[in-house]
Amino acid sequence: MGREATGFIDYGGRRGDGRALLEAGELILRGEVKARLARSSLTNPRIEGDALVLDAPDGRLAIDVGAVEAGRWIEALSRAAPTLARKLGIQADGPVWVWGQTDDIALNGALAESGPAHPGAAALHLAIVNSKDDLDSALAERGDADAALWLVYPKGRREFGDAAIRATMREMGYIDSKSCAVSDALTATRYGPRKT
């Protein structure tokens, strides 16, 4: 989904060199011009000279990325953003084993697209962890199943966050292969056994 480009940015009366990142739900501008713009707020994508030009909340947004790259951005912007279920690999015909509880609307909506399963019968595993004890319990219950494992945990700097989870999983022979935002409050990282 995401695209990334560097170039001269002109937006909302601010101009300068920067980086543009297209994410599933937003366009992020970094550098001399900073902004976070919801994808839904960006309209009328077009190429003017070597610039990608969009209509945005604070007026005309121009990112000088070159005409060819601007065309690629227009293609990416025209595609619907992937659903959370798609990003996590949840499918209607692929049952998911879920460990833990959440009241997160986005995650529960994605999980509703598939049925529950026992660890050995699941096409995908997902564990909601808030502590090392949660992680240890989820891994013990999962056993030696081969299915990909998504670990879902709160965003932000925490005693038990991304770095601690990654270190623990790597010590246990797992490697992270993908991450995605789940919601404003949660993030997820996919793990699988390290190939030897």
N, C-alpha and C. Protein backbone atom coordinates (compact mmCIF):
# COMPACT_ATOMS: atom_id res chain seq x y z
N MET A 1 0.83 -1.17 0.00
CA MET A 1 0.00 0.00 0.00
C MET A 1 0.87 1.23 0.00
N GLY A 2 1.76 1.34 0.96
CA GLY A 2 2.47 2.58 1.19
C GLY A 2 3.39 2.99 0.06
N ARG A 3 3.50 4.25 -0.14
CA ARG A 3 4.49 4.82 -1.05
C ARG A 3 5.27 5.83 -0.24
N GLU A 4 6.48 6.06 -0.68
CA GLU A 4 7.35 7.02 -0.01
C GLU A 4 8.15 7.75 -1.07
N ALA A 5 8.27 9.06 -0.91
CA ALA A 5 9.05 9.85 -1.87
C ALA A 5 9.63 11.07 -1.17
N THR A 6 10.73 11.54 -1.68
CA THR A 6 11.32 12.79 -1.21
C THR A 6 11.24 13.80 -2.35
N GLY A 7 11.11 15.05 -1.98
CA GLY A 7 11.05 16.10 -2.98
C GLY A 7 10.64 17.42 -2.36
N PHE A 8 10.51 18.41 -3.20
CA PHE A 8 10.10 19.73 -2.74
C PHE A 8 8.59 19.71 -2.53
N ILE A 9 8.13 20.19 -1.37
CA ILE A 9 6.72 20.17 -1.01
C ILE A 9 6.22 21.61 -0.85
N ASP A 10 5.06 21.88 -1.40
CA ASP A 10 4.41 23.18 -1.28
C ASP A 10 2.99 22.93 -0.79
N TYR A 11 2.71 23.36 0.46
CA TYR A 11 1.38 23.11 1.02
C TYR A 11 1.03 24.11 2.10
N GLY A 12 -0.15 24.68 2.00
CA GLY A 12 -0.68 25.55 3.05
C GLY A 12 0.21 26.74 3.36
N GLY A 13 0.86 27.31 2.35
CA GLY A 13 1.74 28.45 2.58
C GLY A 13 3.13 28.09 3.06
N ARG A 14 3.39 26.81 3.22
CA ARG A 14 4.73 26.36 3.63
C ARG A 14 5.38 25.66 2.45
N ARG A 15 6.69 25.85 2.33
CA ARG A 15 7.44 25.25 1.21
C ARG A 15 8.79 24.78 1.70
N GLY A 16 9.25 23.65 1.13
CA GLY A 16 10.59 23.17 1.48
C GLY A 16 10.76 21.71 1.13
N ASP A 17 11.98 21.25 1.31
CA ASP A 17 12.29 19.84 1.04
C ASP A 17 11.67 18.96 2.11
N GLY A 18 11.24 17.79 1.69
CA GLY A 18 10.62 16.90 2.65
C GLY A 18 10.42 15.51 2.12
N ARG A 19 9.71 14.74 2.91
CA ARG A 19 9.40 13.34 2.58
C ARG A 19 7.89 13.17 2.74
N ALA A 20 7.31 12.45 1.78
CA ALA A 20 5.89 12.14 1.83
C ALA A 20 5.74 10.63 1.98
N LEU A 21 4.90 10.22 2.93
CA LEU A 21 4.63 8.80 3.18
C LEU A 21 3.14 8.56 3.05
N LEU A 22 2.76 7.67 2.13
CA LEU A 22 1.36 7.33 1.97
C LEU A 22 1.09 6.06 2.74
N GLU A 23 0.27 6.17 3.77
CA GLU A 23 -0.12 5.03 4.60
C GLU A 23 -1.56 4.66 4.26
N ALA A 24 -2.05 3.60 4.86
CA ALA A 24 -3.40 3.12 4.57
C ALA A 24 -4.45 4.20 4.80
N GLY A 25 -4.32 4.96 5.87
CA GLY A 25 -5.36 5.93 6.21
C GLY A 25 -4.94 7.38 6.12
N GLU A 26 -3.66 7.64 5.85
CA GLU A 26 -3.23 9.03 5.85
C GLU A 26 -1.99 9.25 5.00
N LEU A 27 -1.77 10.51 4.67
CA LEU A 27 -0.55 10.97 4.01
C LEU A 27 0.22 11.76 5.05
N ILE A 28 1.48 11.39 5.27
CA ILE A 28 2.30 12.05 6.27
C ILE A 28 3.39 12.84 5.55
N LEU A 29 3.50 14.11 5.87
CA LEU A 29 4.56 14.97 5.32
C LEU A 29 5.57 15.24 6.43
N ARG A 30 6.83 15.02 6.11
CA ARG A 30 7.92 15.26 7.07
C ARG A 30 8.98 16.13 6.41
N GLY A 31 9.79 16.76 7.24
CA GLY A 31 10.83 17.64 6.72
C GLY A 31 10.47 19.08 7.02
N GLU A 32 10.72 19.96 6.05
CA GLU A 32 10.45 21.38 6.26
C GLU A 32 8.94 21.68 6.28
N VAL A 33 8.16 20.82 5.64
CA VAL A 33 6.70 20.95 5.67
C VAL A 33 6.16 19.71 6.37
N LYS A 34 5.48 19.93 7.48
CA LYS A 34 4.96 18.82 8.27
C LYS A 34 3.44 18.84 8.26
N ALA A 35 2.84 17.66 8.08
CA ALA A 35 1.39 17.54 8.15
C ALA A 35 1.01 16.07 8.17
N ARG A 36 -0.16 15.79 8.72
CA ARG A 36 -0.78 14.47 8.68
C ARG A 36 -2.17 14.70 8.10
N LEU A 37 -2.41 14.12 6.93
CA LEU A 37 -3.65 14.36 6.22
C LEU A 37 -4.39 13.05 6.00
N ALA A 38 -5.64 13.00 6.39
CA ALA A 38 -6.45 11.80 6.16
C ALA A 38 -6.56 11.58 4.65
N ARG A 39 -6.39 10.33 4.22
CA ARG A 39 -6.52 10.01 2.79
C ARG A 39 -7.86 10.48 2.26
N SER A 40 -8.89 10.35 3.07
CA SER A 40 -10.23 10.73 2.62
C SER A 40 -10.35 12.23 2.35
N SER A 41 -9.41 13.03 2.87
CA SER A 41 -9.46 14.48 2.67
C SER A 41 -8.71 14.92 1.42
N LEU A 42 -8.07 13.99 0.73
CA LEU A 42 -7.27 14.32 -0.45
C LEU A 42 -8.08 14.02 -1.71
N THR A 43 -8.24 15.03 -2.55
CA THR A 43 -9.06 14.86 -3.75
C THR A 43 -8.33 15.39 -4.98
N ASN A 44 -8.88 15.05 -6.15
CA ASN A 44 -8.43 15.57 -7.44
C ASN A 44 -6.93 15.37 -7.68
N PRO A 45 -6.43 14.14 -7.55
CA PRO A 45 -5.00 13.92 -7.82
C PRO A 45 -4.68 14.14 -9.29
N ARG A 46 -3.56 14.82 -9.55
CA ARG A 46 -3.18 15.13 -10.92
C ARG A 46 -1.68 15.39 -11.00
N ILE A 47 -1.18 15.42 -12.21
CA ILE A 47 0.24 15.71 -12.44
C ILE A 47 0.33 17.09 -13.08
N GLU A 48 1.13 17.95 -12.49
CA GLU A 48 1.43 19.26 -13.06
C GLU A 48 2.94 19.36 -13.17
N GLY A 49 3.44 19.31 -14.39
CA GLY A 49 4.89 19.30 -14.60
C GLY A 49 5.47 18.02 -14.03
N ASP A 50 6.36 18.15 -13.04
CA ASP A 50 6.95 16.99 -12.36
C ASP A 50 6.35 16.76 -10.98
N ALA A 51 5.25 17.43 -10.68
CA ALA A 51 4.69 17.37 -9.33
C ALA A 51 3.37 16.59 -9.28
N LEU A 52 3.23 15.85 -8.20
CA LEU A 52 1.94 15.28 -7.83
C LEU A 52 1.19 16.41 -7.13
N VAL A 53 -0.02 16.69 -7.58
CA VAL A 53 -0.80 17.78 -7.00
C VAL A 53 -2.13 17.21 -6.52
N LEU A 54 -2.52 17.60 -5.32
CA LEU A 54 -3.77 17.16 -4.70
C LEU A 54 -4.47 18.36 -4.10
N ASP A 55 -5.79 18.29 -4.03
CA ASP A 55 -6.54 19.26 -3.25
C ASP A 55 -6.63 18.69 -1.83
N ALA A 56 -6.24 19.50 -0.84
CA ALA A 56 -6.15 19.05 0.55
C ALA A 56 -6.85 20.08 1.45
N PRO A 57 -7.02 19.76 2.72
CA PRO A 57 -7.76 20.67 3.62
C PRO A 57 -7.25 22.11 3.65
N ASP A 58 -5.93 22.31 3.57
CA ASP A 58 -5.38 23.67 3.60
C ASP A 58 -5.05 24.19 2.22
N GLY A 59 -5.69 23.63 1.19
CA GLY A 59 -5.48 24.11 -0.17
C GLY A 59 -4.68 23.13 -1.02
N ARG A 60 -4.02 23.69 -2.01
CA ARG A 60 -3.26 22.90 -2.98
C ARG A 60 -2.01 22.32 -2.32
N LEU A 61 -1.82 21.01 -2.54
CA LEU A 61 -0.63 20.31 -2.07
C LEU A 61 0.13 19.83 -3.30
N ALA A 62 1.38 20.25 -3.43
CA ALA A 62 2.23 19.83 -4.55
C ALA A 62 3.49 19.19 -3.99
N ILE A 63 3.80 18.00 -4.51
CA ILE A 63 5.01 17.28 -4.11
C ILE A 63 5.79 16.99 -5.38
N ASP A 64 6.97 17.57 -5.51
CA ASP A 64 7.78 17.40 -6.71
C ASP A 64 8.51 16.07 -6.64
N VAL A 65 7.92 15.05 -7.25
CA VAL A 65 8.48 13.69 -7.21
C VAL A 65 8.86 13.18 -8.59
N GLY A 66 8.62 13.97 -9.63
CA GLY A 66 8.84 13.52 -11.00
C GLY A 66 7.54 12.97 -11.57
N ALA A 67 7.34 13.17 -12.86
CA ALA A 67 6.07 12.80 -13.49
C ALA A 67 5.79 11.31 -13.40
N VAL A 68 6.81 10.47 -13.59
CA VAL A 68 6.60 9.02 -13.55
C VAL A 68 6.17 8.58 -12.15
N GLU A 69 6.87 9.05 -11.13
CA GLU A 69 6.53 8.69 -9.76
C GLU A 69 5.18 9.28 -9.37
N ALA A 70 4.87 10.48 -9.85
CA ALA A 70 3.56 11.08 -9.57
C ALA A 70 2.45 10.19 -10.12
N GLY A 71 2.66 9.60 -11.30
CA GLY A 71 1.67 8.67 -11.85
C GLY A 71 1.48 7.46 -10.97
N ARG A 72 2.57 6.95 -10.40
CA ARG A 72 2.46 5.81 -9.48
C ARG A 72 1.69 6.18 -8.22
N TRP A 73 1.92 7.39 -7.73
CA TRP A 73 1.18 7.85 -6.56
C TRP A 73 -0.31 7.97 -6.86
N ILE A 74 -0.65 8.46 -8.04
CA ILE A 74 -2.07 8.59 -8.41
C ILE A 74 -2.71 7.21 -8.45
N GLU A 75 -2.01 6.22 -8.99
CA GLU A 75 -2.53 4.84 -8.98
C GLU A 75 -2.76 4.36 -7.56
N ALA A 76 -1.77 4.59 -6.68
CA ALA A 76 -1.89 4.14 -5.29
C ALA A 76 -3.05 4.85 -4.59
N LEU A 77 -3.21 6.14 -4.83
CA LEU A 77 -4.29 6.89 -4.20
C LEU A 77 -5.66 6.47 -4.71
N SER A 78 -5.72 5.93 -5.93
CA SER A 78 -7.01 5.54 -6.49
C SER A 78 -7.48 4.18 -5.98
N ARG A 79 -6.56 3.39 -5.44
CA ARG A 79 -6.94 2.09 -4.88
C ARG A 79 -7.50 2.28 -3.47
N ALA A 80 -8.49 1.50 -3.16
CA ALA A 80 -9.07 1.56 -1.81
C ALA A 80 -8.02 1.10 -0.80
N ALA A 81 -7.99 1.75 0.32
CA ALA A 81 -7.06 1.35 1.38
C ALA A 81 -7.44 -0.05 1.86
N PRO A 82 -6.45 -0.89 2.15
CA PRO A 82 -6.79 -2.25 2.60
C PRO A 82 -7.47 -2.21 3.97
N THR A 83 -8.38 -3.14 4.15
CA THR A 83 -9.04 -3.25 5.45
C THR A 83 -8.05 -3.83 6.46
N LEU A 84 -8.35 -3.68 7.72
CA LEU A 84 -7.51 -4.27 8.76
C LEU A 84 -7.48 -5.79 8.60
N ALA A 85 -8.62 -6.39 8.31
CA ALA A 85 -8.66 -7.84 8.12
C ALA A 85 -7.70 -8.25 7.01
N ARG A 86 -7.68 -7.50 5.92
CA ARG A 86 -6.76 -7.84 4.81
C ARG A 86 -5.31 -7.67 5.25
N LYS A 87 -5.00 -6.58 5.95
CA LYS A 87 -3.61 -6.37 6.39
C LYS A 87 -3.15 -7.49 7.30
N LEU A 88 -4.05 -8.02 8.13
CA LEU A 88 -3.69 -9.09 9.05
C LEU A 88 -3.76 -10.48 8.40
N GLY A 89 -4.31 -10.56 7.20
CA GLY A 89 -4.43 -11.86 6.53
C GLY A 89 -5.64 -12.67 6.99
N ILE A 90 -6.62 -12.00 7.56
CA ILE A 90 -7.84 -12.67 8.03
C ILE A 90 -8.78 -12.86 6.84
N GLN A 91 -9.21 -14.10 6.63
CA GLN A 91 -10.10 -14.43 5.52
C GLN A 91 -11.31 -15.20 6.04
N ALA A 92 -12.42 -15.08 5.33
CA ALA A 92 -13.66 -15.74 5.75
C ALA A 92 -13.49 -17.25 5.82
N ASP A 93 -12.67 -17.82 4.93
CA ASP A 93 -12.49 -19.27 4.91
C ASP A 93 -11.27 -19.74 5.70
N GLY A 94 -10.66 -18.84 6.46
CA GLY A 94 -9.47 -19.20 7.24
C GLY A 94 -9.68 -18.89 8.71
N PRO A 95 -10.05 -19.87 9.51
CA PRO A 95 -10.32 -19.62 10.93
C PRO A 95 -9.11 -19.07 11.68
N VAL A 96 -9.39 -18.26 12.67
CA VAL A 96 -8.34 -17.59 13.45
C VAL A 96 -8.43 -18.02 14.92
N TRP A 97 -7.30 -18.41 15.48
CA TRP A 97 -7.21 -18.67 16.92
C TRP A 97 -6.85 -17.35 17.58
N VAL A 98 -7.66 -16.95 18.56
CA VAL A 98 -7.45 -15.68 19.25
C VAL A 98 -7.21 -15.95 20.72
N TRP A 99 -6.13 -15.36 21.24
CA TRP A 99 -5.83 -15.45 22.66
C TRP A 99 -5.94 -14.03 23.22
N GLY A 100 -6.68 -13.89 24.30
CA GLY A 100 -6.81 -12.58 24.95
C GLY A 100 -8.12 -11.90 24.60
N GLN A 101 -8.38 -10.80 25.26
CA GLN A 101 -9.62 -10.05 25.12
C GLN A 101 -9.31 -8.63 24.70
N THR A 102 -10.23 -8.03 23.94
CA THR A 102 -10.09 -6.62 23.59
C THR A 102 -11.47 -6.01 23.37
N ASP A 103 -11.57 -4.72 23.63
CA ASP A 103 -12.79 -4.00 23.31
C ASP A 103 -12.53 -3.05 22.14
N ASP A 104 -11.40 -3.26 21.44
CA ASP A 104 -11.02 -2.42 20.32
C ASP A 104 -11.98 -2.68 19.15
N ILE A 105 -12.70 -1.66 18.72
CA ILE A 105 -13.71 -1.80 17.68
C ILE A 105 -13.10 -2.26 16.36
N ALA A 106 -11.97 -1.68 15.97
CA ALA A 106 -11.34 -2.04 14.69
C ALA A 106 -10.90 -3.50 14.69
N LEU A 107 -10.26 -3.95 15.76
CA LEU A 107 -9.78 -5.33 15.82
C LEU A 107 -10.96 -6.30 15.87
N ASN A 108 -11.96 -6.01 16.68
CA ASN A 108 -13.12 -6.90 16.74
C ASN A 108 -13.84 -6.98 15.40
N GLY A 109 -13.90 -5.87 14.68
CA GLY A 109 -14.50 -5.87 13.36
C GLY A 109 -13.73 -6.75 12.39
N ALA A 110 -12.41 -6.68 12.44
CA ALA A 110 -11.59 -7.52 11.56
C ALA A 110 -11.75 -8.99 11.91
N LEU A 111 -11.78 -9.30 13.19
CA LEU A 111 -11.91 -10.69 13.62
C LEU A 111 -13.28 -11.27 13.28
N ALA A 112 -14.28 -10.41 13.16
CA ALA A 112 -15.63 -10.88 12.82
C ALA A 112 -15.71 -11.44 11.41
N GLU A 113 -14.70 -11.16 10.59
CA GLU A 113 -14.70 -11.66 9.21
C GLU A 113 -14.29 -13.13 9.12
N SER A 114 -13.92 -13.74 10.24
CA SER A 114 -13.51 -15.14 10.25
C SER A 114 -14.09 -15.82 11.49
N GLY A 115 -14.07 -17.12 11.47
CA GLY A 115 -14.56 -17.86 12.62
C GLY A 115 -13.43 -18.23 13.56
N PRO A 116 -13.78 -18.57 14.82
CA PRO A 116 -12.77 -18.98 15.80
C PRO A 116 -12.29 -20.40 15.53
N ALA A 117 -11.12 -20.71 16.08
CA ALA A 117 -10.55 -22.04 15.86
C ALA A 117 -9.64 -22.43 17.02
N HIS A 118 -9.44 -23.72 17.16
CA HIS A 118 -8.45 -24.29 18.08
C HIS A 118 -7.07 -24.01 17.47
N PRO A 119 -6.02 -23.84 18.27
CA PRO A 119 -4.70 -23.51 17.72
C PRO A 119 -4.24 -24.43 16.58
N GLY A 120 -4.47 -25.72 16.70
CA GLY A 120 -4.00 -26.65 15.67
C GLY A 120 -4.78 -26.58 14.37
N ALA A 121 -6.00 -26.04 14.40
CA ALA A 121 -6.85 -25.98 13.21
C ALA A 121 -6.89 -24.59 12.58
N ALA A 122 -6.25 -23.64 13.18
CA ALA A 122 -6.34 -22.25 12.71
C ALA A 122 -5.37 -21.97 11.57
N ALA A 123 -5.83 -21.13 10.64
CA ALA A 123 -4.98 -20.67 9.55
C ALA A 123 -4.08 -19.53 10.02
N LEU A 124 -4.48 -18.88 11.10
CA LEU A 124 -3.77 -17.71 11.60
C LEU A 124 -3.95 -17.65 13.11
N HIS A 125 -2.92 -17.19 13.80
CA HIS A 125 -3.00 -17.00 15.26
C HIS A 125 -2.85 -15.52 15.56
N LEU A 126 -3.61 -15.07 16.57
CA LEU A 126 -3.54 -13.68 17.00
C LEU A 126 -3.64 -13.65 18.51
N ALA A 127 -2.67 -13.01 19.15
CA ALA A 127 -2.67 -12.91 20.62
C ALA A 127 -2.62 -11.44 21.02
N ILE A 128 -3.49 -11.06 21.92
CA ILE A 128 -3.54 -9.71 22.45
C ILE A 128 -2.78 -9.73 23.76
N VAL A 129 -1.64 -9.04 23.80
CA VAL A 129 -0.77 -9.12 24.96
C VAL A 129 -0.51 -7.74 25.55
N ASN A 130 -0.55 -7.68 26.86
CA ASN A 130 -0.28 -6.44 27.58
C ASN A 130 0.89 -6.58 28.55
N SER A 131 1.42 -7.80 28.68
CA SER A 131 2.50 -8.04 29.63
C SER A 131 3.31 -9.26 29.20
N LYS A 132 4.44 -9.45 29.82
CA LYS A 132 5.27 -10.63 29.56
C LYS A 132 4.50 -11.89 29.93
N ASP A 133 3.75 -11.85 31.03
CA ASP A 133 2.94 -13.00 31.43
C ASP A 133 1.91 -13.36 30.35
N ASP A 134 1.27 -12.33 29.76
CA ASP A 134 0.33 -12.58 28.66
C ASP A 134 1.02 -13.28 27.50
N LEU A 135 2.19 -12.77 27.13
CA LEU A 135 2.93 -13.36 26.01
C LEU A 135 3.29 -14.81 26.30
N ASP A 136 3.82 -15.06 27.49
CA ASP A 136 4.20 -16.43 27.86
C ASP A 136 3.00 -17.37 27.83
N SER A 137 1.86 -16.92 28.35
CA SER A 137 0.65 -17.75 28.37
C SER A 137 0.14 -18.02 26.96
N ALA A 138 0.14 -17.00 26.12
CA ALA A 138 -0.32 -17.18 24.73
C ALA A 138 0.56 -18.17 23.99
N LEU A 139 1.87 -18.04 24.16
CA LEU A 139 2.79 -18.94 23.46
C LEU A 139 2.65 -20.38 23.97
N ALA A 140 2.42 -20.53 25.27
CA ALA A 140 2.24 -21.88 25.83
C ALA A 140 0.98 -22.53 25.28
N GLU A 141 -0.10 -21.75 25.20
CA GLU A 141 -1.36 -22.30 24.69
C GLU A 141 -1.29 -22.57 23.19
N ARG A 142 -0.54 -21.76 22.47
CA ARG A 142 -0.37 -21.93 21.03
C ARG A 142 0.37 -23.22 20.70
N GLY A 143 1.30 -23.58 21.56
CA GLY A 143 2.08 -24.80 21.33
C GLY A 143 3.02 -24.64 20.15
N ASP A 144 3.23 -25.71 19.42
CA ASP A 144 4.18 -25.68 18.30
C ASP A 144 3.49 -25.56 16.95
N ALA A 145 2.36 -24.88 16.91
CA ALA A 145 1.61 -24.69 15.66
C ALA A 145 2.45 -23.91 14.65
N ASP A 146 2.19 -24.18 13.37
CA ASP A 146 2.96 -23.54 12.29
C ASP A 146 2.36 -22.24 11.79
N ALA A 147 1.13 -21.94 12.16
CA ALA A 147 0.45 -20.75 11.64
C ALA A 147 1.20 -19.48 12.02
N ALA A 148 1.09 -18.48 11.15
CA ALA A 148 1.67 -17.17 11.46
C ALA A 148 1.03 -16.63 12.74
N LEU A 149 1.81 -15.90 13.52
CA LEU A 149 1.35 -15.36 14.80
C LEU A 149 1.41 -13.84 14.77
N TRP A 150 0.27 -13.21 14.92
CA TRP A 150 0.22 -11.76 15.10
C TRP A 150 0.14 -11.47 16.60
N LEU A 151 1.02 -10.62 17.09
CA LEU A 151 0.95 -10.14 18.47
C LEU A 151 0.42 -8.72 18.42
N VAL A 152 -0.66 -8.48 19.15
CA VAL A 152 -1.31 -7.18 19.20
C VAL A 152 -1.08 -6.60 20.58
N TYR A 153 -0.64 -5.34 20.63
CA TYR A 153 -0.29 -4.73 21.92
C TYR A 153 -0.46 -3.22 21.84
N PRO A 154 -0.53 -2.55 22.99
CA PRO A 154 -0.75 -1.10 23.00
C PRO A 154 0.40 -0.34 22.35
N LYS A 155 0.04 0.75 21.67
CA LYS A 155 1.04 1.64 21.06
C LYS A 155 1.73 2.45 22.14
N GLY A 156 2.86 3.01 21.78
CA GLY A 156 3.56 3.94 22.65
C GLY A 156 4.68 3.29 23.44
N ARG A 157 5.42 4.14 24.11
CA ARG A 157 6.55 3.66 24.92
C ARG A 157 6.00 3.08 26.22
N ARG A 158 6.30 1.81 26.42
CA ARG A 158 5.80 1.10 27.59
C ARG A 158 6.90 0.18 28.07
N GLU A 159 6.77 -0.24 29.32
CA GLU A 159 7.73 -1.19 29.86
C GLU A 159 7.71 -2.48 29.04
N PHE A 160 6.52 -2.92 28.65
CA PHE A 160 6.40 -4.10 27.81
C PHE A 160 5.76 -3.68 26.50
N GLY A 161 6.58 -3.22 25.59
CA GLY A 161 6.11 -2.77 24.28
C GLY A 161 6.88 -3.47 23.17
N ASP A 162 6.97 -2.80 22.05
CA ASP A 162 7.55 -3.37 20.84
C ASP A 162 8.96 -3.94 21.06
N ALA A 163 9.84 -3.19 21.67
CA ALA A 163 11.23 -3.65 21.83
C ALA A 163 11.31 -4.89 22.73
N ALA A 164 10.57 -4.89 23.82
CA ALA A 164 10.59 -6.04 24.74
C ALA A 164 9.98 -7.27 24.09
N ILE A 165 8.89 -7.08 23.35
CA ILE A 165 8.25 -8.20 22.66
C ILE A 165 9.20 -8.77 21.61
N ARG A 166 9.80 -7.90 20.80
CA ARG A 166 10.72 -8.36 19.75
C ARG A 166 11.91 -9.12 20.36
N ALA A 167 12.47 -8.60 21.42
CA ALA A 167 13.62 -9.27 22.06
C ALA A 167 13.21 -10.65 22.58
N THR A 168 12.06 -10.72 23.23
CA THR A 168 11.58 -12.01 23.75
C THR A 168 11.35 -13.00 22.63
N MET A 169 10.68 -12.55 21.58
CA MET A 169 10.36 -13.46 20.47
C MET A 169 11.63 -13.93 19.76
N ARG A 170 12.59 -13.04 19.58
CA ARG A 170 13.83 -13.45 18.92
C ARG A 170 14.61 -14.45 19.77
N GLU A 171 14.59 -14.25 21.08
CA GLU A 171 15.24 -15.23 21.97
C GLU A 171 14.60 -16.61 21.83
N MET A 172 13.31 -16.64 21.50
CA MET A 172 12.58 -17.90 21.38
C MET A 172 12.63 -18.48 19.96
N GLY A 173 13.41 -17.84 19.07
CA GLY A 173 13.58 -18.36 17.72
C GLY A 173 12.59 -17.86 16.69
N TYR A 174 11.88 -16.78 17.01
CA TYR A 174 10.94 -16.19 16.06
C TYR A 174 11.56 -14.96 15.43
N ILE A 175 11.06 -14.62 14.25
CA ILE A 175 11.50 -13.40 13.57
C ILE A 175 10.26 -12.62 13.15
N ASP A 176 10.31 -11.31 13.28
CA ASP A 176 9.19 -10.47 12.87
C ASP A 176 9.28 -10.22 11.37
N SER A 177 8.11 -10.23 10.71
CA SER A 177 8.10 -10.10 9.26
C SER A 177 7.20 -8.98 8.74
N LYS A 178 6.34 -8.45 9.60
CA LYS A 178 5.43 -7.39 9.16
C LYS A 178 4.84 -6.72 10.39
N SER A 179 4.51 -5.45 10.25
CA SER A 179 3.80 -4.77 11.32
C SER A 179 2.75 -3.87 10.71
N CYS A 180 1.72 -3.56 11.51
CA CYS A 180 0.69 -2.65 11.02
C CYS A 180 -0.03 -2.02 12.21
N ALA A 181 -0.57 -0.86 11.95
CA ALA A 181 -1.42 -0.22 12.95
C ALA A 181 -2.75 -0.95 12.98
N VAL A 182 -3.27 -1.19 14.16
CA VAL A 182 -4.59 -1.81 14.32
C VAL A 182 -5.63 -0.72 14.51
N SER A 183 -5.31 0.24 15.35
CA SER A 183 -6.21 1.35 15.66
C SER A 183 -5.36 2.46 16.26
N ASP A 184 -6.01 3.50 16.77
CA ASP A 184 -5.26 4.57 17.43
C ASP A 184 -4.56 4.07 18.68
N ALA A 185 -5.08 3.00 19.29
CA ALA A 185 -4.53 2.51 20.56
C ALA A 185 -3.64 1.28 20.43
N LEU A 186 -3.82 0.49 19.36
CA LEU A 186 -3.13 -0.79 19.24
C LEU A 186 -2.29 -0.89 17.98
N THR A 187 -1.23 -1.67 18.05
CA THR A 187 -0.40 -2.00 16.91
C THR A 187 -0.19 -3.51 16.90
N ALA A 188 0.29 -4.05 15.79
CA ALA A 188 0.47 -5.50 15.69
C ALA A 188 1.75 -5.81 14.92
N THR A 189 2.39 -6.90 15.28
CA THR A 189 3.58 -7.39 14.58
C THR A 189 3.39 -8.88 14.33
N ARG A 190 3.70 -9.30 13.09
CA ARG A 190 3.57 -10.72 12.72
C ARG A 190 4.92 -11.42 12.92
N TYR A 191 4.86 -12.60 13.53
CA TYR A 191 6.06 -13.40 13.79
C TYR A 191 5.91 -14.79 13.20
N GLY A 192 7.03 -15.36 12.85
CA GLY A 192 7.09 -16.73 12.39
C GLY A 192 8.41 -17.32 12.85
N PRO A 193 8.55 -18.66 12.78
CA PRO A 193 9.81 -19.28 13.20
C PRO A 193 10.96 -18.81 12.31
N ARG A 194 12.11 -18.60 12.92
CA ARG A 194 13.30 -18.21 12.16
C ARG A 194 13.72 -19.40 11.30
N LYS A 195 13.96 -19.14 10.03
CA LYS A 195 14.41 -20.20 9.13
C LYS A 195 15.90 -20.44 9.34
N THR A 196 16.27 -21.70 9.46
CA THR A 196 17.69 -22.00 9.70
C THR A 196 18.35 -22.54 8.46
